Amino acid sequence: QVRLVESGGGLVQPGGSLRLSCVASGLVVGIDGMGWYRQTPEKERELVATTINDGTANYGDFVKGRFTISRDTAKNTVYLQMDNVKPEDTAVYLCTALSRRRDYWGQGTQVTGSS
């Protein structure tokens, strides 16, 4: 089992920045990649960004260069740097760890873009 704990969410003004963190613990040796999805009551869960072990990153179309994913494998941590946050970025951001057997999910952290 892999346990994921997110942090760093909160209220941010439009145009502001926020940095999310997610720490993995447990059977982390089998993780092939980590990333972020987001979800609101009105929309299905959507990809924000993922990164796999070779460093390749994949972003959702809406990101448009505003967010950057990074990973510290020594700390089993993935980060999401969110810049130029918009009100429509308001969502619960969920950390995921990808493995051959299954994907793991955190509880999520709320991000609210509002003045």
Protein backbone atom coordinates (compact mmCIF):
# COMPACT_ATOMS: atom_id res chain seq x y z
CA GLN A 1 0.00 0.00 0.00
CA VAL A 2 1.00 3.58 -0.65
CA ARG A 3 -0.23 6.46 1.45
CA LEU A 4 -0.38 9.96 0.00
CA VAL A 5 -0.70 13.15 2.04
CA GLU A 6 -1.28 16.47 0.29
CA SER A 7 -0.66 19.93 1.68
CA GLY A 8 -0.41 23.52 0.53
CA GLY A 9 -3.96 24.23 -0.59
CA GLY A 10 -5.86 27.33 0.41
CA LEU A 11 -7.30 30.61 -0.76
CA VAL A 12 -5.36 32.49 -3.41
CA GLN A 13 -6.22 35.72 -5.20
CA PRO A 14 -6.62 35.59 -8.98
CA GLY A 15 -3.20 35.99 -10.52
CA GLY A 16 -1.51 34.70 -7.39
CA SER A 17 0.59 31.61 -6.76
CA LEU A 18 0.34 28.49 -4.65
CA ARG A 19 2.54 25.44 -4.20
CA LEU A 20 1.05 22.04 -3.47
CA SER A 21 3.03 19.17 -2.00
CA CYS A 22 2.31 15.46 -1.76
CA VAL A 23 4.36 13.01 0.26
CA ALA A 24 4.19 9.28 -0.45
CA SER A 25 4.91 6.63 2.17
CA GLY A 26 4.64 2.85 2.36
CA LEU A 27 5.50 0.66 -0.67
CA VAL A 28 6.95 3.52 -2.69
CA VAL A 29 9.48 1.33 -4.50
CA GLY A 30 6.83 0.30 -7.04
CA ILE A 31 5.77 3.83 -8.00
CA ASP A 32 6.29 4.59 -11.69
CA GLY A 33 5.03 8.17 -11.55
CA MET A 34 3.16 10.74 -9.49
CA GLY A 35 0.89 13.59 -10.30
CA TRP A 36 -2.16 15.71 -9.71
CA TYR A 37 -5.78 15.64 -10.77
CA ARG A 38 -8.56 17.99 -9.76
CA GLN A 39 -12.26 17.63 -9.20
CA THR A 40 -15.29 19.83 -8.62
CA PRO A 41 -18.93 18.85 -7.99
CA GLU A 42 -19.81 20.04 -11.49
CA LYS A 43 -17.04 18.32 -13.47
CA GLU A 44 -15.42 14.92 -13.75
CA ARG A 45 -11.95 14.42 -12.38
CA GLU A 46 -9.45 15.92 -14.81
CA LEU A 47 -5.73 15.68 -15.31
CA VAL A 48 -3.65 18.58 -14.03
CA ALA A 49 -0.14 17.14 -14.41
CA THR A 50 1.78 13.90 -14.03
CA THR A 51 5.43 13.01 -14.14
CA ILE A 52 6.96 9.58 -14.58
CA ASN A 53 10.28 8.21 -13.38
CA ASP A 54 12.25 9.34 -16.43
CA GLY A 55 11.21 12.93 -15.75
CA THR A 56 8.68 13.20 -18.55
CA ALA A 57 5.78 15.47 -17.61
CA ASN A 58 2.28 15.61 -19.01
CA TYR A 59 -0.12 18.52 -18.45
CA GLY A 60 -3.81 19.09 -18.89
CA ASP A 61 -4.72 21.35 -21.81
CA PHE A 62 -6.05 24.08 -19.52
CA VAL A 63 -2.68 24.52 -17.77
CA LYS A 64 -1.16 26.49 -20.66
CA GLY A 65 2.19 27.01 -18.97
CA ARG A 66 0.77 28.29 -15.68
CA PHE A 67 1.56 25.21 -13.55
CA THR A 68 4.78 23.26 -13.13
CA ILE A 69 5.10 19.76 -11.72
CA SER A 70 8.29 18.58 -10.08
CA ARG A 71 9.32 15.57 -8.06
CA ASP A 72 11.92 14.85 -5.42
CA THR A 73 12.35 11.08 -5.55
CA ALA A 74 14.66 11.07 -2.52
CA LYS A 75 11.83 12.58 -0.46
CA ASN A 76 9.06 10.66 -2.25
CA THR A 77 7.41 14.02 -2.83
CA VAL A 78 5.72 15.61 -5.82
CA TYR A 79 5.04 19.33 -6.08
CA LEU A 80 2.71 21.45 -8.14
CA GLN A 81 3.70 25.08 -8.55
CA MET A 82 0.58 27.00 -9.52
CA ASP A 83 1.10 30.49 -10.97
CA ASN A 84 -1.42 32.96 -12.38
CA VAL A 85 -4.22 31.10 -10.61
CA LYS A 86 -7.69 31.75 -12.00
CA PRO A 87 -11.09 31.48 -10.30
CA GLU A 88 -11.86 28.50 -12.54
CA ASP A 89 -8.92 26.65 -10.96
CA THR A 90 -11.02 26.30 -7.82
CA ALA A 91 -11.22 22.58 -7.07
CA VAL A 92 -10.06 19.79 -4.82
CA TYR A 93 -6.60 18.80 -6.00
CA LEU A 94 -5.87 15.11 -5.62
CA CYS A 95 -2.42 13.57 -5.57
CA THR A 96 -1.94 10.26 -7.34
CA ALA A 97 0.83 7.66 -7.40
CA LEU A 98 0.95 5.43 -10.46
CA SER A 99 2.13 1.82 -10.39
CA ARG A 100 1.69 -1.28 -12.53
CA ARG A 101 -0.60 -2.87 -10.00
CA ARG A 102 -2.86 0.08 -9.28
CA ASP A 103 -3.08 3.81 -8.85
CA TYR A 104 -3.21 5.36 -5.40
CA TRP A 105 -5.02 8.53 -4.39
CA GLY A 106 -4.73 11.04 -1.60
CA GLN A 107 -7.62 12.71 0.20
CA GLY A 108 -7.16 15.95 -1.68
CA THR A 109 -6.48 19.57 -0.80
CA GLN A 110 -8.84 22.44 -1.58
CA VAL A 111 -7.63 25.28 -3.78
CA THR A 112 -9.86 28.34 -4.08
CA GLY A 113 -9.07 31.14 -6.48
CA SER A 114 -11.02 34.14 -5.28
CA SER A 115 -10.57 37.71 -4.19
